[in-house]
N, C-alpha and C. Protein backbone atom coordinates (compact mmCIF):
# COMPACT_ATOMS: atom_id res chain seq x y z
N MET A 1 0.86 -1.17 0.00
CA MET A 1 0.00 0.00 0.00
C MET A 1 0.90 1.23 0.00
N SER A 2 0.63 2.14 -0.89
CA SER A 2 1.44 3.35 -0.92
C SER A 2 1.06 4.25 0.24
N GLU A 3 1.95 5.12 0.60
CA GLU A 3 1.67 6.02 1.71
C GLU A 3 0.55 6.98 1.37
N GLN A 4 0.27 7.13 0.08
CA GLN A 4 -0.76 8.07 -0.33
C GLN A 4 -2.13 7.40 -0.39
N ALA A 5 -2.19 6.10 -0.23
CA ALA A 5 -3.49 5.40 -0.25
C ALA A 5 -4.29 5.84 0.97
N THR A 6 -5.56 5.97 0.77
CA THR A 6 -6.44 6.39 1.87
C THR A 6 -7.41 5.27 2.19
N ASN A 7 -8.11 5.44 3.28
CA ASN A 7 -9.15 4.49 3.65
C ASN A 7 -10.16 4.38 2.52
N ARG A 8 -10.43 5.47 1.84
CA ARG A 8 -11.37 5.47 0.72
C ARG A 8 -10.94 4.46 -0.35
N ASP A 9 -9.64 4.35 -0.58
CA ASP A 9 -9.14 3.43 -1.59
C ASP A 9 -9.28 1.97 -1.16
N LEU A 10 -9.40 1.74 0.12
CA LEU A 10 -9.36 0.38 0.65
C LEU A 10 -10.74 -0.21 0.92
N THR A 11 -11.76 0.59 0.84
CA THR A 11 -13.08 0.09 1.21
C THR A 11 -14.03 0.14 0.03
N GLY A 12 -15.14 -0.56 0.19
CA GLY A 12 -16.08 -0.66 -0.91
C GLY A 12 -17.17 0.38 -0.93
N PHE A 13 -17.24 1.26 0.06
CA PHE A 13 -18.35 2.20 0.07
C PHE A 13 -17.94 3.54 0.64
N HIS A 14 -17.83 4.52 -0.19
CA HIS A 14 -17.55 5.89 0.24
C HIS A 14 -16.44 5.99 1.27
N GLY A 15 -15.48 5.07 1.24
CA GLY A 15 -14.38 5.15 2.18
C GLY A 15 -14.78 4.88 3.61
N ILE A 16 -15.90 4.26 3.83
CA ILE A 16 -16.37 4.07 5.19
C ILE A 16 -16.09 2.65 5.66
N ILE A 17 -16.86 1.68 5.22
CA ILE A 17 -16.64 0.29 5.60
C ILE A 17 -16.85 -0.59 4.37
N PRO A 18 -16.23 -1.75 4.35
CA PRO A 18 -16.42 -2.65 3.20
C PRO A 18 -17.88 -3.06 3.03
N LYS A 19 -18.26 -3.34 1.78
CA LYS A 19 -19.64 -3.70 1.47
C LYS A 19 -20.13 -4.90 2.27
N THR A 20 -19.29 -5.90 2.46
CA THR A 20 -19.76 -7.08 3.19
C THR A 20 -20.10 -6.74 4.63
N MET A 21 -19.28 -5.91 5.25
CA MET A 21 -19.57 -5.49 6.62
C MET A 21 -20.83 -4.63 6.66
N ARG A 22 -20.97 -3.75 5.69
CA ARG A 22 -22.15 -2.89 5.64
C ARG A 22 -23.41 -3.73 5.47
N GLY A 23 -23.36 -4.73 4.60
CA GLY A 23 -24.52 -5.59 4.38
C GLY A 23 -24.94 -6.31 5.64
N LYS A 24 -23.98 -6.85 6.38
CA LYS A 24 -24.30 -7.52 7.64
C LYS A 24 -24.92 -6.54 8.63
N ARG A 25 -24.38 -5.33 8.68
CA ARG A 25 -24.90 -4.35 9.62
C ARG A 25 -26.32 -3.94 9.24
N LEU A 26 -26.59 -3.77 7.96
CA LEU A 26 -27.92 -3.35 7.53
C LEU A 26 -28.94 -4.48 7.71
N ARG A 27 -28.52 -5.73 7.60
CA ARG A 27 -29.42 -6.85 7.96
C ARG A 27 -29.75 -6.78 9.45
N HIS A 28 -28.73 -6.47 10.26
CA HIS A 28 -28.94 -6.30 11.70
C HIS A 28 -29.92 -5.15 11.97
N VAL A 29 -29.78 -4.06 11.24
CA VAL A 29 -30.68 -2.91 11.40
C VAL A 29 -32.13 -3.34 11.12
N ALA A 30 -32.34 -4.08 10.03
CA ALA A 30 -33.70 -4.55 9.70
C ALA A 30 -34.25 -5.44 10.81
N ASP A 31 -33.43 -6.35 11.33
CA ASP A 31 -33.86 -7.21 12.44
C ASP A 31 -34.20 -6.39 13.68
N THR A 32 -33.33 -5.45 14.01
CA THR A 32 -33.50 -4.67 15.24
C THR A 32 -34.74 -3.79 15.19
N MET A 33 -35.07 -3.25 14.03
CA MET A 33 -36.27 -2.42 13.93
C MET A 33 -37.51 -3.22 14.35
N CYS A 34 -37.64 -4.46 13.90
CA CYS A 34 -38.77 -5.30 14.30
C CYS A 34 -38.70 -5.62 15.79
N GLN A 35 -37.52 -5.96 16.27
CA GLN A 35 -37.36 -6.31 17.69
C GLN A 35 -37.67 -5.12 18.59
N MET A 36 -37.26 -3.92 18.19
CA MET A 36 -37.55 -2.73 18.99
C MET A 36 -39.05 -2.48 19.05
N PHE A 37 -39.72 -2.63 17.89
CA PHE A 37 -41.17 -2.37 17.89
C PHE A 37 -41.88 -3.32 18.83
N CYS A 38 -41.46 -4.56 18.88
CA CYS A 38 -42.12 -5.55 19.73
C CYS A 38 -41.58 -5.56 21.16
N GLY A 39 -40.57 -4.79 21.45
CA GLY A 39 -39.93 -4.82 22.76
C GLY A 39 -40.49 -3.81 23.75
N TRP A 40 -39.75 -3.62 24.84
CA TRP A 40 -40.21 -2.78 25.94
C TRP A 40 -40.42 -1.33 25.53
N ARG A 41 -39.76 -0.87 24.49
CA ARG A 41 -39.90 0.52 24.08
C ARG A 41 -41.30 0.82 23.53
N LEU A 42 -42.06 -0.21 23.23
CA LEU A 42 -43.42 -0.02 22.73
C LEU A 42 -44.38 0.45 23.83
N ILE A 43 -44.01 0.25 25.09
CA ILE A 43 -44.92 0.55 26.20
C ILE A 43 -45.52 1.94 26.09
N GLY A 44 -44.71 2.95 25.82
CA GLY A 44 -45.22 4.32 25.74
C GLY A 44 -46.20 4.56 24.61
N SER A 45 -46.21 3.70 23.61
CA SER A 45 -47.12 3.86 22.47
C SER A 45 -48.36 2.98 22.56
N LYS A 46 -48.40 2.07 23.53
CA LYS A 46 -49.53 1.13 23.59
C LYS A 46 -50.89 1.83 23.71
N PRO A 47 -51.05 2.86 24.54
CA PRO A 47 -52.37 3.52 24.58
C PRO A 47 -52.76 4.09 23.22
N ASN A 48 -51.80 4.65 22.49
CA ASN A 48 -52.09 5.19 21.16
C ASN A 48 -52.48 4.09 20.19
N LEU A 49 -51.81 2.94 20.28
CA LEU A 49 -52.13 1.83 19.39
C LEU A 49 -53.53 1.30 19.67
N VAL A 50 -53.89 1.20 20.95
CA VAL A 50 -55.25 0.75 21.31
C VAL A 50 -56.27 1.71 20.71
N GLU A 51 -55.99 3.01 20.82
CA GLU A 51 -56.89 4.02 20.27
C GLU A 51 -57.01 3.89 18.75
N LEU A 52 -55.91 3.61 18.07
CA LEU A 52 -55.95 3.43 16.62
C LEU A 52 -56.72 2.17 16.25
N GLY A 53 -56.54 1.11 17.02
CA GLY A 53 -57.23 -0.15 16.77
C GLY A 53 -56.51 -1.02 15.76
N SER A 54 -57.22 -2.05 15.31
CA SER A 54 -56.65 -2.99 14.34
C SER A 54 -56.44 -2.30 13.00
N GLY A 55 -55.37 -2.67 12.34
CA GLY A 55 -55.08 -2.10 11.03
C GLY A 55 -53.59 -2.15 10.75
N THR A 56 -53.18 -1.43 9.72
CA THR A 56 -51.78 -1.43 9.30
C THR A 56 -51.13 -0.10 9.62
N LEU A 57 -50.05 -0.18 10.37
CA LEU A 57 -49.25 0.97 10.76
C LEU A 57 -47.97 0.95 9.94
N GLU A 58 -47.60 2.08 9.39
CA GLU A 58 -46.35 2.19 8.64
C GLU A 58 -45.48 3.26 9.28
N LEU A 59 -44.21 2.93 9.51
CA LEU A 59 -43.26 3.87 10.10
C LEU A 59 -42.11 4.09 9.13
N ASP A 60 -41.75 5.33 8.92
CA ASP A 60 -40.54 5.66 8.18
C ASP A 60 -39.45 5.85 9.22
N ALA A 61 -38.53 4.91 9.30
CA ALA A 61 -37.51 4.94 10.35
C ALA A 61 -36.49 6.05 10.14
N MET A 62 -36.42 6.62 8.96
CA MET A 62 -35.48 7.71 8.71
C MET A 62 -36.04 9.05 9.16
N THR A 63 -37.36 9.20 9.14
CA THR A 63 -37.98 10.48 9.51
C THR A 63 -38.85 10.39 10.76
N GLY A 64 -39.30 9.19 11.11
CA GLY A 64 -40.22 9.02 12.22
C GLY A 64 -41.68 9.21 11.82
N GLN A 65 -41.95 9.50 10.55
CA GLN A 65 -43.32 9.71 10.10
C GLN A 65 -44.12 8.42 10.23
N CYS A 66 -45.41 8.57 10.61
CA CYS A 66 -46.29 7.42 10.82
C CYS A 66 -47.54 7.54 9.95
N LEU A 67 -47.95 6.41 9.39
CA LEU A 67 -49.21 6.31 8.67
C LEU A 67 -50.00 5.18 9.29
N PHE A 68 -51.32 5.36 9.39
CA PHE A 68 -52.19 4.27 9.83
C PHE A 68 -53.28 4.14 8.79
N GLN A 69 -53.40 2.95 8.24
CA GLN A 69 -54.36 2.69 7.16
C GLN A 69 -54.15 3.68 6.01
N GLY A 70 -52.88 4.03 5.76
CA GLY A 70 -52.53 4.90 4.65
C GLY A 70 -52.68 6.38 4.92
N LYS A 71 -53.12 6.77 6.12
CA LYS A 71 -53.32 8.19 6.45
C LYS A 71 -52.28 8.63 7.48
N THR A 72 -51.74 9.82 7.27
CA THR A 72 -50.74 10.36 8.20
C THR A 72 -51.35 10.56 9.58
N ILE A 73 -50.60 10.14 10.60
CA ILE A 73 -51.00 10.36 12.00
C ILE A 73 -49.81 11.04 12.69
N GLY A 74 -50.04 11.51 13.90
CA GLY A 74 -48.95 12.09 14.68
C GLY A 74 -47.89 11.04 14.96
N GLN A 75 -46.68 11.52 15.20
CA GLN A 75 -45.56 10.61 15.46
C GLN A 75 -45.77 9.87 16.77
N LEU A 76 -45.65 8.57 16.73
CA LEU A 76 -45.72 7.74 17.93
C LEU A 76 -44.36 7.72 18.62
N THR A 77 -44.36 7.54 19.92
CA THR A 77 -43.12 7.47 20.69
C THR A 77 -42.20 6.39 20.13
N ILE A 78 -42.74 5.24 19.78
CA ILE A 78 -41.92 4.14 19.26
C ILE A 78 -41.25 4.54 17.94
N ALA A 79 -41.92 5.34 17.13
CA ALA A 79 -41.33 5.77 15.85
C ALA A 79 -40.11 6.65 16.10
N GLU A 80 -40.20 7.55 17.08
CA GLU A 80 -39.05 8.39 17.41
C GLU A 80 -37.93 7.57 18.02
N GLU A 81 -38.28 6.57 18.84
CA GLU A 81 -37.26 5.68 19.43
C GLU A 81 -36.48 4.96 18.32
N ILE A 82 -37.20 4.42 17.35
CA ILE A 82 -36.55 3.69 16.26
C ILE A 82 -35.74 4.65 15.39
N ARG A 83 -36.28 5.84 15.09
CA ARG A 83 -35.56 6.82 14.28
C ARG A 83 -34.24 7.23 14.95
N ALA A 84 -34.30 7.54 16.24
CA ALA A 84 -33.10 7.96 16.97
C ALA A 84 -32.08 6.82 17.04
N TRP A 85 -32.56 5.60 17.28
CA TRP A 85 -31.65 4.46 17.32
C TRP A 85 -30.97 4.27 15.96
N LEU A 86 -31.75 4.33 14.88
CA LEU A 86 -31.20 4.15 13.53
C LEU A 86 -30.10 5.18 13.26
N GLU A 87 -30.38 6.42 13.55
CA GLU A 87 -29.40 7.49 13.33
C GLU A 87 -28.12 7.22 14.11
N GLN A 88 -28.26 6.85 15.38
CA GLN A 88 -27.10 6.60 16.24
C GLN A 88 -26.34 5.36 15.78
N ASP A 89 -27.06 4.30 15.43
CA ASP A 89 -26.41 3.06 15.02
C ASP A 89 -25.62 3.24 13.72
N LEU A 90 -26.21 3.93 12.77
CA LEU A 90 -25.50 4.16 11.51
C LEU A 90 -24.25 4.99 11.75
N ALA A 91 -24.36 6.03 12.57
CA ALA A 91 -23.19 6.88 12.87
C ALA A 91 -22.10 6.07 13.57
N THR A 92 -22.49 5.26 14.54
CA THR A 92 -21.53 4.44 15.28
C THR A 92 -20.79 3.50 14.35
N ASN A 93 -21.49 3.00 13.34
CA ASN A 93 -20.90 2.03 12.41
C ASN A 93 -20.40 2.67 11.12
N LYS A 94 -20.30 3.99 11.14
CA LYS A 94 -19.73 4.76 10.02
C LYS A 94 -20.44 4.50 8.69
N ILE A 95 -21.76 4.40 8.77
CA ILE A 95 -22.58 4.26 7.57
C ILE A 95 -23.37 5.56 7.44
N PRO A 96 -23.12 6.35 6.42
CA PRO A 96 -23.88 7.60 6.28
C PRO A 96 -25.35 7.31 6.00
N ILE A 97 -26.23 8.07 6.63
CA ILE A 97 -27.66 7.85 6.42
C ILE A 97 -28.01 8.03 4.95
N ALA A 98 -27.23 8.84 4.24
CA ALA A 98 -27.46 9.05 2.81
C ALA A 98 -27.23 7.77 2.00
N ALA A 99 -26.57 6.77 2.60
CA ALA A 99 -26.37 5.48 1.92
C ALA A 99 -27.68 4.72 1.80
N LEU A 100 -28.67 5.07 2.64
CA LEU A 100 -29.97 4.39 2.60
C LEU A 100 -30.92 5.14 1.69
N THR A 101 -31.69 4.40 0.92
CA THR A 101 -32.76 5.02 0.14
C THR A 101 -34.09 4.86 0.87
N GLY A 102 -34.10 4.06 1.92
CA GLY A 102 -35.30 3.90 2.73
C GLY A 102 -35.07 2.97 3.90
N ALA A 103 -35.88 3.16 4.93
CA ALA A 103 -35.89 2.27 6.09
C ALA A 103 -37.31 2.32 6.64
N HIS A 104 -38.06 1.26 6.41
CA HIS A 104 -39.49 1.27 6.74
C HIS A 104 -39.88 0.05 7.55
N LEU A 105 -40.89 0.26 8.37
CA LEU A 105 -41.47 -0.81 9.18
C LEU A 105 -42.96 -0.80 8.90
N THR A 106 -43.51 -1.94 8.53
CA THR A 106 -44.94 -2.10 8.33
C THR A 106 -45.42 -3.09 9.38
N VAL A 107 -46.44 -2.67 10.15
CA VAL A 107 -46.89 -3.48 11.28
C VAL A 107 -48.40 -3.69 11.16
N LYS A 108 -48.79 -4.96 11.06
CA LYS A 108 -50.21 -5.30 11.07
C LYS A 108 -50.58 -5.53 12.53
N LEU A 109 -51.56 -4.77 13.02
CA LEU A 109 -52.03 -4.87 14.40
C LEU A 109 -53.41 -5.50 14.41
N SER A 110 -53.60 -6.54 15.20
CA SER A 110 -54.91 -7.20 15.33
C SER A 110 -55.26 -7.24 16.81
N PHE A 111 -56.16 -6.35 17.23
CA PHE A 111 -56.53 -6.22 18.64
C PHE A 111 -57.76 -7.03 19.00
N SER A 112 -57.78 -7.51 20.24
CA SER A 112 -58.97 -8.10 20.85
C SER A 112 -58.85 -7.89 22.36
N VAL A 113 -59.96 -8.09 23.05
CA VAL A 113 -59.97 -8.03 24.52
C VAL A 113 -60.24 -9.44 25.00
N VAL A 114 -59.40 -9.90 25.93
CA VAL A 114 -59.48 -11.28 26.41
C VAL A 114 -59.52 -11.27 27.94
N PRO A 115 -59.99 -12.37 28.55
CA PRO A 115 -59.93 -12.45 30.02
C PRO A 115 -58.48 -12.42 30.50
N TRP A 116 -58.29 -11.97 31.73
CA TRP A 116 -56.95 -11.95 32.33
C TRP A 116 -56.35 -13.34 32.26
N ASN A 117 -55.13 -13.43 31.83
CA ASN A 117 -54.42 -14.69 31.70
C ASN A 117 -53.72 -14.99 33.03
N GLU A 118 -54.30 -15.87 33.84
CA GLU A 118 -53.75 -16.15 35.17
C GLU A 118 -52.28 -16.50 35.19
N PRO A 119 -51.82 -17.37 34.29
CA PRO A 119 -50.40 -17.69 34.38
C PRO A 119 -49.49 -16.64 33.73
N ALA A 120 -50.00 -15.41 33.57
CA ALA A 120 -49.16 -14.36 32.97
C ALA A 120 -47.86 -14.23 33.75
N LYS A 121 -46.77 -14.15 33.01
CA LYS A 121 -45.46 -14.08 33.65
C LYS A 121 -45.09 -12.65 34.02
N GLU A 122 -45.74 -11.69 33.41
CA GLU A 122 -45.40 -10.30 33.67
C GLU A 122 -46.27 -9.73 34.78
N ILE A 123 -45.69 -8.81 35.52
CA ILE A 123 -46.44 -8.04 36.51
C ILE A 123 -46.50 -6.63 35.98
N PHE A 124 -47.68 -6.04 35.93
CA PHE A 124 -47.87 -4.70 35.39
C PHE A 124 -48.03 -3.73 36.55
N TYR A 125 -47.40 -2.57 36.41
CA TYR A 125 -47.43 -1.57 37.48
C TYR A 125 -47.99 -0.26 36.96
N SER A 126 -48.65 0.47 37.85
CA SER A 126 -49.08 1.83 37.60
C SER A 126 -48.84 2.60 38.89
N ASP A 127 -48.13 3.70 38.80
CA ASP A 127 -47.76 4.49 39.99
C ASP A 127 -47.07 3.64 41.04
N GLY A 128 -46.24 2.70 40.59
CA GLY A 128 -45.46 1.88 41.51
C GLY A 128 -46.22 0.75 42.17
N LYS A 129 -47.50 0.56 41.81
CA LYS A 129 -48.31 -0.50 42.42
C LYS A 129 -48.70 -1.51 41.35
N PRO A 130 -48.65 -2.81 41.70
CA PRO A 130 -49.09 -3.81 40.72
C PRO A 130 -50.58 -3.61 40.40
N ILE A 131 -50.94 -3.80 39.15
CA ILE A 131 -52.35 -3.68 38.79
C ILE A 131 -52.81 -4.97 38.14
N ARG A 132 -54.11 -5.19 38.23
CA ARG A 132 -54.74 -6.35 37.62
C ARG A 132 -56.14 -5.93 37.21
N THR A 133 -56.52 -6.27 36.00
CA THR A 133 -57.87 -6.00 35.53
C THR A 133 -58.51 -7.32 35.14
N GLU A 134 -59.83 -7.34 35.04
CA GLU A 134 -60.50 -8.59 34.66
C GLU A 134 -60.20 -8.97 33.22
N LYS A 135 -59.97 -7.97 32.40
CA LYS A 135 -59.71 -8.23 30.98
C LYS A 135 -58.41 -7.57 30.57
N MET A 136 -57.87 -8.08 29.48
CA MET A 136 -56.61 -7.57 28.95
C MET A 136 -56.75 -7.27 27.46
N ASN A 137 -55.95 -6.32 27.01
CA ASN A 137 -55.80 -6.12 25.57
C ASN A 137 -54.89 -7.23 25.05
N ARG A 138 -55.24 -7.77 23.93
CA ARG A 138 -54.36 -8.71 23.24
C ARG A 138 -54.13 -8.12 21.85
N CYS A 139 -52.88 -8.13 21.44
CA CYS A 139 -52.56 -7.63 20.11
C CYS A 139 -51.61 -8.60 19.43
N ILE A 140 -52.02 -9.06 18.27
CA ILE A 140 -51.11 -9.82 17.42
C ILE A 140 -50.37 -8.77 16.59
N VAL A 141 -49.05 -8.76 16.72
CA VAL A 141 -48.20 -7.77 16.08
C VAL A 141 -47.38 -8.49 15.01
N GLU A 142 -47.62 -8.14 13.76
CA GLU A 142 -46.88 -8.73 12.65
C GLU A 142 -46.03 -7.64 12.00
N CYS A 143 -44.73 -7.66 12.30
CA CYS A 143 -43.79 -6.63 11.82
C CYS A 143 -43.04 -7.12 10.59
N ARG A 144 -42.88 -6.22 9.65
CA ARG A 144 -42.02 -6.46 8.49
C ARG A 144 -41.21 -5.18 8.29
N SER A 145 -39.90 -5.35 8.20
CA SER A 145 -39.05 -4.18 7.98
C SER A 145 -38.27 -4.35 6.69
N ASN A 146 -37.89 -3.22 6.12
CA ASN A 146 -36.97 -3.25 4.99
C ASN A 146 -36.07 -2.03 5.06
N VAL A 147 -34.81 -2.28 4.81
CA VAL A 147 -33.79 -1.24 4.75
C VAL A 147 -33.22 -1.34 3.35
N THR A 148 -33.29 -0.24 2.60
CA THR A 148 -32.88 -0.28 1.20
C THR A 148 -31.71 0.66 0.92
N THR A 149 -30.87 0.22 0.00
CA THR A 149 -29.79 1.04 -0.55
C THR A 149 -29.94 0.97 -2.06
N ASP A 150 -29.07 1.64 -2.77
CA ASP A 150 -29.10 1.55 -4.24
C ASP A 150 -28.79 0.14 -4.71
N GLU A 151 -28.15 -0.66 -3.86
CA GLU A 151 -27.66 -1.97 -4.27
C GLU A 151 -28.45 -3.16 -3.73
N ALA A 152 -29.16 -2.98 -2.62
CA ALA A 152 -29.79 -4.15 -1.99
C ALA A 152 -30.96 -3.73 -1.11
N VAL A 153 -31.79 -4.73 -0.79
CA VAL A 153 -32.87 -4.57 0.18
C VAL A 153 -32.65 -5.61 1.27
N TYR A 154 -32.65 -5.16 2.51
CA TYR A 154 -32.47 -6.04 3.67
C TYR A 154 -33.82 -6.10 4.38
N ARG A 155 -34.34 -7.33 4.56
CA ARG A 155 -35.68 -7.50 5.12
C ARG A 155 -35.63 -8.33 6.39
N SER A 156 -36.64 -8.09 7.22
CA SER A 156 -36.81 -8.90 8.41
C SER A 156 -38.29 -8.96 8.74
N LYS A 157 -38.68 -9.95 9.52
CA LYS A 157 -40.07 -10.02 9.98
C LYS A 157 -40.09 -10.66 11.35
N LEU A 158 -41.09 -10.30 12.11
CA LEU A 158 -41.25 -10.81 13.47
C LEU A 158 -42.73 -10.74 13.81
N THR A 159 -43.27 -11.82 14.36
CA THR A 159 -44.66 -11.84 14.81
C THR A 159 -44.68 -12.17 16.29
N GLU A 160 -45.45 -11.39 17.04
CA GLU A 160 -45.60 -11.61 18.48
C GLU A 160 -47.04 -11.42 18.88
N VAL A 161 -47.41 -12.06 19.98
CA VAL A 161 -48.70 -11.81 20.61
C VAL A 161 -48.38 -11.15 21.95
N GLN A 162 -48.95 -9.97 22.17
CA GLN A 162 -48.72 -9.25 23.41
C GLN A 162 -50.04 -9.05 24.13
N GLU A 163 -49.99 -9.12 25.45
CA GLU A 163 -51.17 -8.87 26.28
C GLU A 163 -50.79 -7.90 27.38
N TRP A 164 -51.72 -6.99 27.71
CA TRP A 164 -51.50 -6.06 28.81
C TRP A 164 -52.85 -5.61 29.35
N PRO A 165 -52.91 -5.18 30.62
CA PRO A 165 -54.18 -4.80 31.24
C PRO A 165 -54.86 -3.64 30.51
N LEU A 166 -56.19 -3.64 30.52
CA LEU A 166 -56.93 -2.52 29.96
C LEU A 166 -56.52 -1.25 30.71
N GLY A 167 -56.35 -0.16 30.00
CA GLY A 167 -56.00 1.11 30.62
C GLY A 167 -54.56 1.25 31.05
N TRP A 168 -53.70 0.29 30.70
CA TRP A 168 -52.30 0.35 31.09
C TRP A 168 -51.44 0.51 29.85
N PRO A 169 -50.36 1.21 29.88
CA PRO A 169 -50.02 2.17 30.93
C PRO A 169 -50.90 3.40 30.82
N VAL A 170 -50.90 4.22 31.84
CA VAL A 170 -51.69 5.45 31.81
C VAL A 170 -51.11 6.33 30.71
N ASP A 171 -51.98 6.78 29.81
CA ASP A 171 -51.53 7.57 28.66
C ASP A 171 -51.35 9.03 29.04
N THR A 172 -50.14 9.52 28.84
CA THR A 172 -49.86 10.93 29.10
C THR A 172 -49.41 11.65 27.84
N SER A 173 -49.46 10.95 26.70
CA SER A 173 -49.00 11.55 25.45
C SER A 173 -50.18 12.06 24.63
N PRO A 174 -49.91 12.96 23.68
CA PRO A 174 -50.99 13.46 22.83
C PRO A 174 -51.52 12.36 21.91
N SER A 175 -52.75 12.50 21.49
CA SER A 175 -53.38 11.53 20.60
C SER A 175 -52.69 11.53 19.25
N PRO A 176 -52.50 10.32 18.63
CA PRO A 176 -51.80 10.24 17.35
C PRO A 176 -52.65 10.67 16.16
N GLY A 177 -53.96 10.68 16.31
CA GLY A 177 -54.83 10.89 15.16
C GLY A 177 -55.14 12.27 14.80
């Protein structure tokens, strides 16, 4: 290697990281977007999701914009969480956000109300006290993500069933609609 060679000369993408490493990282990004939506960070958005009801939610992970049933709604807390994580993760891994042509999450939500599940493993709290209701919200969450570049599309999917007490957590955020 000549002394004048730069990192740009040695890598496959804008002098940042080799294409193979970038591809693995972007597959990880697609996986993580689904996992974040189904994880603990969703708690703050659950009251908004119950209010929206069953249907298809679309999140633009690059902007945080949200659509429900094809119509723009206010930004959900989970959308901002995913957007901020994406921005930080790409920066940490030296992938410019401009390298992406898109990063989207499509989530099919199917809500129902079911009796309290006695063997529930989780304990739900409100104001530091455990709560229990006779009925629970149940939501089948079917996530599909895609992260796109000029060269490839990285996809992931995750399906979960989540249950939580009616009225939990207490909603303190503005309505999404």
